[in-house]
Amino acid sequence: MTYLLRHGLLVGPDAVRVADVLVREGRIAEVGDTLDAPAGATVIDVEGCWVGPGFVDLHSHLREPGREAAENIESGARAGAVGGYCALVAMPNTEPALDNVALVSYVLDKGARTPLDVAVAGAITQGREGRHLAPLAEMAALGVRLFTDDGTGVQDPSLMRRALDYARPLGVRLAQHCEDEALAARGSMNEGVLSSRLGLVGRPALAEELMVMRDIEVKRATAFCAMAMRLAAGSSGFSRLAV
């Protein structure tokens, strides 16, 4: 099949511009300001729509196994495909957590039967409990390249340092949920004037900032790169200290 997409907002590496895109047999054949429609081509007016290569979602919650009532691998992948995504990374905060070869294989096998490329982020610690390292090398052997205890930060700095040391020769990356639970565990909203007025326990910005600063120093000690997830604007400034 041949399709000509007219007047779309073409997303490129440098800018967004209005352009036509010719797609032949599932591949982009030509891009131009005004293209002629080949014989037999289906012309689709996509004015006002974003057109580009498939997007990649690096932080997807497919909830399978254990929480399929909210989402599952098939439904999440189909939703991504409809939204213009060609690949996604499934987070490990499932029940049980994606912390071993069997569960990672399960998600990869089911993901292979969906319209998208489904990758897996493995858990850093067993059960995402922050006490013992998960078998990172075994999961890395299956192609896992990102590890995180998503939704729960690794609170023990000694354990985080060991995880970074262990990950370095594997060629993988760690992503940290930056929040000090000792400061934030009881909070139900951002700490500030509104939380005081409502009489609710807040989660202070300091909880995030301390974890970011701690992991910057741990990263320096291990000479290895870690990523921080979901940083607020205030904490993101500390990232310059890591250079």
C-alpha atoms as a PDB file:
ATOM      1  CA  MET A   1       0.000   0.000   0.000  1.00  0.00           C
ATOM      2  CA  THR A   2       1.070   3.548  -0.736  1.00  0.00           C
ATOM      3  CA  TYR A   3      -0.066   6.523   1.330  1.00  0.00           C
ATOM      4  CA  LEU A   4       0.497  10.230   0.875  1.00  0.00           C
ATOM      5  CA  LEU A   5       0.144  12.221   4.092  1.00  0.00           C
ATOM      6  CA  ARG A   6      -0.573  15.834   3.245  1.00  0.00           C
ATOM      7  CA  HIS A   7       0.092  19.018   5.240  1.00  0.00           C
ATOM      8  CA  GLY A   8       1.232  17.321   8.435  1.00  0.00           C
ATOM      9  CA  LEU A   9       3.353  18.916  11.138  1.00  0.00           C
ATOM     10  CA  LEU A  10       6.556  17.012  10.444  1.00  0.00           C
ATOM     11  CA  VAL A  11       8.678  16.445  13.542  1.00  0.00           C
ATOM     12  CA  GLY A  12      12.361  16.465  12.615  1.00  0.00           C
ATOM     13  CA  PRO A  13      15.620  16.493  14.570  1.00  0.00           C
ATOM     14  CA  ASP A  14      15.984  20.261  14.243  1.00  0.00           C
ATOM     15  CA  ALA A  15      12.524  21.755  13.750  1.00  0.00           C
ATOM     16  CA  VAL A  16       8.827  21.201  13.129  1.00  0.00           C
ATOM     17  CA  ARG A  17       7.558  22.126   9.672  1.00  0.00           C
ATOM     18  CA  VAL A  18       4.533  21.539   7.462  1.00  0.00           C
ATOM     19  CA  ALA A  19       5.299  18.880   4.848  1.00  0.00           C
ATOM     20  CA  ASP A  20       3.968  15.951   2.839  1.00  0.00           C
ATOM     21  CA  VAL A  21       5.170  12.410   3.528  1.00  0.00           C
ATOM     22  CA  LEU A  22       4.976   9.538   1.058  1.00  0.00           C
ATOM     23  CA  VAL A  23       4.818   6.088   2.653  1.00  0.00           C
ATOM     24  CA  ARG A  24       5.309   3.046   0.428  1.00  0.00           C
ATOM     25  CA  GLU A  25       4.994  -0.518   1.755  1.00  0.00           C
ATOM     26  CA  GLY A  26       5.324   0.644   5.346  1.00  0.00           C
ATOM     27  CA  ARG A  27       8.429   2.753   4.774  1.00  0.00           C
ATOM     28  CA  ILE A  28       8.939   6.486   4.335  1.00  0.00           C
ATOM     29  CA  ALA A  29       9.772   6.915   0.658  1.00  0.00           C
ATOM     30  CA  GLU A  30       9.870  10.692   0.277  1.00  0.00           C
ATOM     31  CA  VAL A  31       9.365  13.918   2.214  1.00  0.00           C
ATOM     32  CA  GLY A  32       8.679  17.266   0.589  1.00  0.00           C
ATOM     33  CA  ASP A  33       6.779  20.509   0.748  1.00  0.00           C
ATOM     34  CA  THR A  34       4.307  19.486  -1.977  1.00  0.00           C
ATOM     35  CA  LEU A  35       4.468  15.940  -3.320  1.00  0.00           C
ATOM     36  CA  ASP A  36       2.540  14.502  -6.253  1.00  0.00           C
ATOM     37  CA  ALA A  37       0.389  11.504  -5.395  1.00  0.00           C
ATOM     38  CA  PRO A  38       1.521   8.349  -7.242  1.00  0.00           C
ATOM     39  CA  ALA A  39      -1.103   6.373  -9.120  1.00  0.00           C
ATOM     40  CA  GLY A  40      -3.173   4.273  -6.745  1.00  0.00           C
ATOM     41  CA  ALA A  41      -1.935   6.040  -3.619  1.00  0.00           C
ATOM     42  CA  THR A  42      -4.311   6.796  -0.767  1.00  0.00           C
ATOM     43  CA  VAL A  43      -4.142  10.494   0.049  1.00  0.00           C
ATOM     44  CA  ILE A  44      -4.815  11.453   3.679  1.00  0.00           C
ATOM     45  CA  ASP A  45      -5.114  15.053   4.820  1.00  0.00           C
ATOM     46  CA  VAL A  46      -3.340  15.240   8.200  1.00  0.00           C
ATOM     47  CA  GLU A  47      -3.344  19.007   8.586  1.00  0.00           C
ATOM     48  CA  GLY A  48      -2.871  19.913  12.243  1.00  0.00           C
ATOM     49  CA  CYS A  49      -1.562  16.434  13.122  1.00  0.00           C
ATOM     50  CA  TRP A  50       1.964  15.568  14.235  1.00  0.00           C
ATOM     51  CA  VAL A  51       3.835  13.340  11.776  1.00  0.00           C
ATOM     52  CA  GLY A  52       7.169  11.754  12.552  1.00  0.00           C
ATOM     53  CA  PRO A  53       9.097   8.574  13.170  1.00  0.00           C
ATOM     54  CA  GLY A  54       7.664   6.363  15.873  1.00  0.00           C
ATOM     55  CA  PHE A  55       7.998   7.706  19.391  1.00  0.00           C
ATOM     56  CA  VAL A  56       9.590   5.735  22.234  1.00  0.00           C
ATOM     57  CA  ASP A  57       8.067   5.730  25.727  1.00  0.00           C
ATOM     58  CA  LEU A  58      10.883   5.146  28.219  1.00  0.00           C
ATOM     59  CA  HIS A  59       8.539   4.966  31.209  1.00  0.00           C
ATOM     60  CA  SER A  60       5.451   2.791  30.665  1.00  0.00           C
ATOM     61  CA  HIS A  61       3.306   1.093  33.282  1.00  0.00           C
ATOM     62  CA  LEU A  62       1.857  -2.088  31.787  1.00  0.00           C
ATOM     63  CA  ARG A  63       0.921  -3.449  35.253  1.00  0.00           C
ATOM     64  CA  GLU A  64       1.320  -7.073  34.201  1.00  0.00           C
ATOM     65  CA  PRO A  65       1.742  -9.356  36.063  1.00  0.00           C
ATOM     66  CA  GLY A  66      -0.475  -8.740  39.066  1.00  0.00           C
ATOM     67  CA  ARG A  67      -2.463  -5.604  38.287  1.00  0.00           C
ATOM     68  CA  GLU A  68      -4.153  -6.466  35.015  1.00  0.00           C
ATOM     69  CA  ALA A  69      -7.387  -4.784  36.104  1.00  0.00           C
ATOM     70  CA  ALA A  70      -5.629  -1.465  35.510  1.00  0.00           C
ATOM     71  CA  GLU A  71      -3.636  -2.343  32.374  1.00  0.00           C
ATOM     72  CA  ASN A  72      -1.938  -5.266  30.678  1.00  0.00           C
ATOM     73  CA  ILE A  73       0.814  -5.756  28.136  1.00  0.00           C
ATOM     74  CA  GLU A  74      -1.504  -6.091  25.152  1.00  0.00           C
ATOM     75  CA  SER A  75      -3.776  -3.151  25.993  1.00  0.00           C
ATOM     76  CA  GLY A  76      -0.864  -0.873  26.878  1.00  0.00           C
ATOM     77  CA  ALA A  77       0.993  -1.698  23.676  1.00  0.00           C
ATOM     78  CA  ARG A  78      -2.102  -1.153  21.548  1.00  0.00           C
ATOM     79  CA  ALA A  79      -2.739   2.199  23.209  1.00  0.00           C
ATOM     80  CA  GLY A  80       0.849   3.173  22.481  1.00  0.00           C
ATOM     81  CA  ALA A  81       0.542   2.165  18.831  1.00  0.00           C
ATOM     82  CA  VAL A  82      -2.600   4.279  18.428  1.00  0.00           C
ATOM     83  CA  GLY A  83      -0.733   7.205  19.981  1.00  0.00           C
ATOM     84  CA  GLY A  84       2.160   7.000  17.524  1.00  0.00           C
ATOM     85  CA  TYR A  85       4.645   4.978  19.585  1.00  0.00           C
ATOM     86  CA  CYS A  86       6.740   2.176  18.125  1.00  0.00           C
ATOM     87  CA  ALA A  87       8.503   1.075  21.313  1.00  0.00           C
ATOM     88  CA  LEU A  88       8.090   1.264  25.053  1.00  0.00           C
ATOM     89  CA  VAL A  89       9.929   0.272  28.218  1.00  0.00           C
ATOM     90  CA  ALA A  90       7.840  -1.553  30.820  1.00  0.00           C
ATOM     91  CA  MET A  91       8.524  -0.452  34.393  1.00  0.00           C
ATOM     92  CA  PRO A  92       9.136  -3.159  37.032  1.00  0.00           C
ATOM     93  CA  ASN A  93       6.624  -2.038  39.678  1.00  0.00           C
ATOM     94  CA  THR A  94       4.338  -4.973  39.016  1.00  0.00           C
ATOM     95  CA  GLU A  95       3.159  -7.608  41.501  1.00  0.00           C
ATOM     96  CA  PRO A  96       5.480  -9.429  41.758  1.00  0.00           C
ATOM     97  CA  ALA A  97       8.207  -7.036  40.657  1.00  0.00           C
ATOM     98  CA  LEU A  98      10.179  -7.683  37.473  1.00  0.00           C
ATOM     99  CA  ASP A  99      13.267  -8.737  39.386  1.00  0.00           C
ATOM    100  CA  ASN A 100      14.215 -12.077  37.839  1.00  0.00           C
ATOM    101  CA  VAL A 101      14.745 -13.877  34.550  1.00  0.00           C
ATOM    102  CA  ALA A 102      11.412 -15.712  34.580  1.00  0.00           C
ATOM    103  CA  LEU A 103       9.299 -12.574  34.916  1.00  0.00           C
ATOM    104  CA  VAL A 104      11.381 -10.560  32.463  1.00  0.00           C
ATOM    105  CA  SER A 105      11.069 -13.394  29.937  1.00  0.00           C
ATOM    106  CA  TYR A 106       7.311 -13.468  30.488  1.00  0.00           C
ATOM    107  CA  VAL A 107       6.931  -9.767  29.653  1.00  0.00           C
ATOM    108  CA  LEU A 108       9.297  -9.954  26.681  1.00  0.00           C
ATOM    109  CA  ASP A 109       7.469 -12.982  25.258  1.00  0.00           C
ATOM    110  CA  LYS A 110       4.052 -11.343  25.563  1.00  0.00           C
ATOM    111  CA  GLY A 111       5.416  -8.051  24.291  1.00  0.00           C
ATOM    112  CA  ALA A 112       6.752  -9.755  21.172  1.00  0.00           C
ATOM    113  CA  ARG A 113       3.154 -10.556  20.210  1.00  0.00           C
ATOM    114  CA  THR A 114       2.077  -6.889  20.263  1.00  0.00           C
ATOM    115  CA  PRO A 115       2.381  -4.214  17.544  1.00  0.00           C
ATOM    116  CA  LEU A 116       5.231  -2.502  19.442  1.00  0.00           C
ATOM    117  CA  ASP A 117       8.757  -3.324  20.511  1.00  0.00           C
ATOM    118  CA  VAL A 118       8.394  -3.933  24.247  1.00  0.00           C
ATOM    119  CA  ALA A 119      11.542  -3.678  26.366  1.00  0.00           C
ATOM    120  CA  VAL A 120      11.794  -4.215  30.118  1.00  0.00           C
ATOM    121  CA  ALA A 121      13.335  -2.187  32.913  1.00  0.00           C
ATOM    122  CA  GLY A 122      14.377  -4.658  35.588  1.00  0.00           C
ATOM    123  CA  ALA A 123      14.240  -3.971  39.307  1.00  0.00           C
ATOM    124  CA  ILE A 124      17.475  -2.942  41.030  1.00  0.00           C
ATOM    125  CA  THR A 125      16.605  -4.800  44.223  1.00  0.00           C
ATOM    126  CA  GLN A 126      14.692  -7.968  44.951  1.00  0.00           C
ATOM    127  CA  GLY A 127      11.002  -7.195  45.188  1.00  0.00           C
ATOM    128  CA  ARG A 128      11.876  -3.478  44.934  1.00  0.00           C
ATOM    129  CA  GLU A 129      12.318  -3.684  48.700  1.00  0.00           C
ATOM    130  CA  GLY A 130      15.741  -2.026  48.823  1.00  0.00           C
ATOM    131  CA  ARG A 131      17.426  -4.792  50.827  1.00  0.00           C
ATOM    132  CA  HIS A 132      19.208  -7.115  48.388  1.00  0.00           C
ATOM    133  CA  LEU A 133      20.346  -6.642  44.803  1.00  0.00           C
ATOM    134  CA  ALA A 134      18.322  -8.380  42.127  1.00  0.00           C
ATOM    135  CA  PRO A 135      20.205 -10.634  39.641  1.00  0.00           C
ATOM    136  CA  LEU A 136      21.185  -7.795  37.324  1.00  0.00           C
ATOM    137  CA  ALA A 137      23.618  -9.838  35.237  1.00  0.00           C
ATOM    138  CA  GLU A 138      21.050 -12.551  34.515  1.00  0.00           C
ATOM    139  CA  MET A 139      18.467 -10.002  33.401  1.00  0.00           C
ATOM    140  CA  ALA A 140      21.070  -8.104  31.381  1.00  0.00           C
ATOM    141  CA  ALA A 141      21.794 -11.334  29.514  1.00  0.00           C
ATOM    142  CA  LEU A 142      18.183 -11.207  28.273  1.00  0.00           C
ATOM    143  CA  GLY A 143      18.720  -7.722  26.882  1.00  0.00           C
ATOM    144  CA  VAL A 144      17.634  -5.589  29.846  1.00  0.00           C
ATOM    145  CA  ARG A 145      19.580  -2.327  29.678  1.00  0.00           C
ATOM    146  CA  LEU A 146      17.814  -0.245  32.325  1.00  0.00           C
ATOM    147  CA  PHE A 147      17.226  -1.021  35.998  1.00  0.00           C
ATOM    148  CA  THR A 148      15.125   0.900  38.497  1.00  0.00           C
ATOM    149  CA  ASP A 149      13.049   0.385  41.622  1.00  0.00           C
ATOM    150  CA  ASP A 150      10.536   2.732  39.972  1.00  0.00           C
ATOM    151  CA  GLY A 151       8.257   4.401  42.484  1.00  0.00           C
ATOM    152  CA  THR A 152      10.573   3.490  45.353  1.00  0.00           C
ATOM    153  CA  GLY A 153      14.034   4.960  45.731  1.00  0.00           C
ATOM    154  CA  VAL A 154      16.998   2.845  46.808  1.00  0.00           C
ATOM    155  CA  GLN A 155      17.325   4.339  50.286  1.00  0.00           C
ATOM    156  CA  ASP A 156      20.543   2.618  51.376  1.00  0.00           C
ATOM    157  CA  PRO A 157      23.543   4.502  49.895  1.00  0.00           C
ATOM    158  CA  SER A 158      25.790   1.482  50.398  1.00  0.00           C
ATOM    159  CA  LEU A 159      23.402  -0.689  48.393  1.00  0.00           C
ATOM    160  CA  MET A 160      23.128   1.943  45.675  1.00  0.00           C
ATOM    161  CA  ARG A 161      26.904   2.104  45.444  1.00  0.00           C
ATOM    162  CA  ARG A 162      27.126  -1.682  45.092  1.00  0.00           C
ATOM    163  CA  ALA A 163      24.444  -1.575  42.403  1.00  0.00           C
ATOM    164  CA  LEU A 164      26.415   1.015  40.432  1.00  0.00           C
ATOM    165  CA  ASP A 165      29.634  -0.975  40.805  1.00  0.00           C
ATOM    166  CA  TYR A 166      27.830  -4.121  39.658  1.00  0.00           C
ATOM    167  CA  ALA A 167      26.119  -2.422  36.719  1.00  0.00           C
ATOM    168  CA  ARG A 168      29.198  -0.788  35.264  1.00  0.00           C
ATOM    169  CA  PRO A 169      30.800  -3.856  33.615  1.00  0.00           C
ATOM    170  CA  LEU A 170      27.372  -4.969  32.373  1.00  0.00           C
ATOM    171  CA  GLY A 171      27.001  -1.859  30.224  1.00  0.00           C
ATOM    172  CA  VAL A 172      23.583  -1.047  31.701  1.00  0.00           C
ATOM    173  CA  ARG A 173      22.080   2.043  33.321  1.00  0.00           C
ATOM    174  CA  LEU A 174      20.361   2.599  36.641  1.00  0.00           C
ATOM    175  CA  ALA A 175      17.467   5.023  37.145  1.00  0.00           C
ATOM    176  CA  GLN A 176      16.700   6.264  40.625  1.00  0.00           C
ATOM    177  CA  HIS A 177      13.384   7.402  42.112  1.00  0.00           C
ATOM    178  CA  CYS A 178      14.769  10.426  43.937  1.00  0.00           C
ATOM    179  CA  GLU A 179      12.942  10.673  47.229  1.00  0.00           C
ATOM    180  CA  ASP A 180      14.157  10.237  50.786  1.00  0.00           C
ATOM    181  CA  GLU A 181      11.388   8.184  52.380  1.00  0.00           C
ATOM    182  CA  ALA A 182      12.369   9.268  55.889  1.00  0.00           C
ATOM    183  CA  LEU A 183      11.241  12.761  54.934  1.00  0.00           C
ATOM    184  CA  ALA A 184       8.432  11.970  52.512  1.00  0.00           C
ATOM    185  CA  ALA A 185       6.833   8.684  53.557  1.00  0.00           C
ATOM    186  CA  ARG A 186       3.846  10.144  55.423  1.00  0.00           C
ATOM    187  CA  GLY A 187       3.167  12.990  53.021  1.00  0.00           C
ATOM    188  CA  SER A 188       0.115  13.111  50.786  1.00  0.00           C
ATOM    189  CA  MET A 189       0.859  16.274  48.799  1.00  0.00           C
ATOM    190  CA  ASN A 190       3.580  18.838  48.156  1.00  0.00           C
ATOM    191  CA  GLU A 191       4.634  20.590  51.341  1.00  0.00           C
ATOM    192  CA  GLY A 192       3.749  24.264  51.352  1.00  0.00           C
ATOM    193  CA  VAL A 193       1.161  26.854  52.247  1.00  0.00           C
ATOM    194  CA  LEU A 194      -1.736  24.797  50.872  1.00  0.00           C
ATOM    195  CA  SER A 195      -0.784  21.626  52.762  1.00  0.00           C
ATOM    196  CA  SER A 196      -0.651  23.688  55.967  1.00  0.00           C
ATOM    197  CA  ARG A 197      -4.057  25.222  55.308  1.00  0.00           C
ATOM    198  CA  LEU A 198      -5.578  21.807  54.651  1.00  0.00           C
ATOM    199  CA  GLY A 199      -3.908  20.250  57.665  1.00  0.00           C
ATOM    200  CA  LEU A 200      -2.232  17.579  55.535  1.00  0.00           C
ATOM    201  CA  VAL A 201       1.269  16.200  55.945  1.00  0.00           C
ATOM    202  CA  GLY A 202       3.395  17.429  53.054  1.00  0.00           C
ATOM    203  CA  ARG A 203       6.206  15.872  51.087  1.00  0.00           C
ATOM    204  CA  PRO A 204       9.031  18.450  51.227  1.00  0.00           C
ATOM    205  CA  ALA A 205      11.158  19.332  48.226  1.00  0.00           C
ATOM    206  CA  LEU A 206      14.137  18.546  50.453  1.00  0.00           C
ATOM    207  CA  ALA A 207      13.254  14.838  50.240  1.00  0.00           C
ATOM    208  CA  GLU A 208      14.015  14.896  46.531  1.00  0.00           C
ATOM    209  CA  GLU A 209      16.957  17.271  46.710  1.00  0.00           C
ATOM    210  CA  LEU A 210      18.817  15.242  49.333  1.00  0.00           C
ATOM    211  CA  MET A 211      18.484  12.059  47.291  1.00  0.00           C
ATOM    212  CA  VAL A 212      19.704  13.803  44.150  1.00  0.00           C
ATOM    213  CA  MET A 213      22.742  15.232  45.940  1.00  0.00           C
ATOM    214  CA  ARG A 214      23.488  11.900  47.615  1.00  0.00           C
ATOM    215  CA  ASP A 215      23.432   9.989  44.357  1.00  0.00           C
ATOM    216  CA  ILE A 216      25.619  12.584  42.652  1.00  0.00           C
ATOM    217  CA  GLU A 217      28.312  11.842  45.225  1.00  0.00           C
ATOM    218  CA  VAL A 218      27.769   8.072  44.970  1.00  0.00           C
ATOM    219  CA  LYS A 219      28.025   8.356  41.204  1.00  0.00           C
ATOM    220  CA  ARG A 220      31.332  10.219  41.568  1.00  0.00           C
ATOM    221  CA  ALA A 221      32.682   7.517  43.859  1.00  0.00           C
ATOM    222  CA  THR A 222      31.866   4.795  41.339  1.00  0.00           C
ATOM    223  CA  ALA A 223      32.694   6.784  38.176  1.00  0.00           C
ATOM    224  CA  PHE A 224      29.465   5.488  36.694  1.00  0.00           C
ATOM    225  CA  CYS A 225      26.358   7.129  35.266  1.00  0.00           C
ATOM    226  CA  ALA A 226      22.956   6.915  36.908  1.00  0.00           C
ATOM    227  CA  MET A 227      19.757   8.670  35.893  1.00  0.00           C
ATOM    228  CA  ALA A 228      17.217  10.453  38.052  1.00  0.00           C
ATOM    229  CA  MET A 229      13.531   9.974  37.317  1.00  0.00           C
ATOM    230  CA  ARG A 230      10.796  12.634  37.485  1.00  0.00           C
ATOM    231  CA  LEU A 231      12.908  15.532  38.764  1.00  0.00           C
ATOM    232  CA  ALA A 232      11.228  18.763  39.798  1.00  0.00           C
ATOM    233  CA  ALA A 233      12.616  22.006  38.407  1.00  0.00           C
ATOM    234  CA  GLY A 234      14.414  22.854  41.644  1.00  0.00           C
ATOM    235  CA  SER A 235      16.274  19.558  41.906  1.00  0.00           C
ATOM    236  CA  SER A 236      17.201  19.463  38.233  1.00  0.00           C
ATOM    237  CA  GLY A 237      19.659  22.280  38.882  1.00  0.00           C
ATOM    238  CA  PHE A 238      21.779  19.921  40.963  1.00  0.00           C
ATOM    239  CA  SER A 239      22.444  17.839  37.839  1.00  0.00           C
ATOM    240  CA  ARG A 240      25.051  20.416  36.838  1.00  0.00           C
ATOM    241  CA  LEU A 241      27.060  19.367  39.876  1.00  0.00           C
ATOM    242  CA  ALA A 242      27.413  15.876  38.433  1.00  0.00           C
ATOM    243  CA  VAL A 243      29.446  17.037  35.450  1.00  0.00           C
END
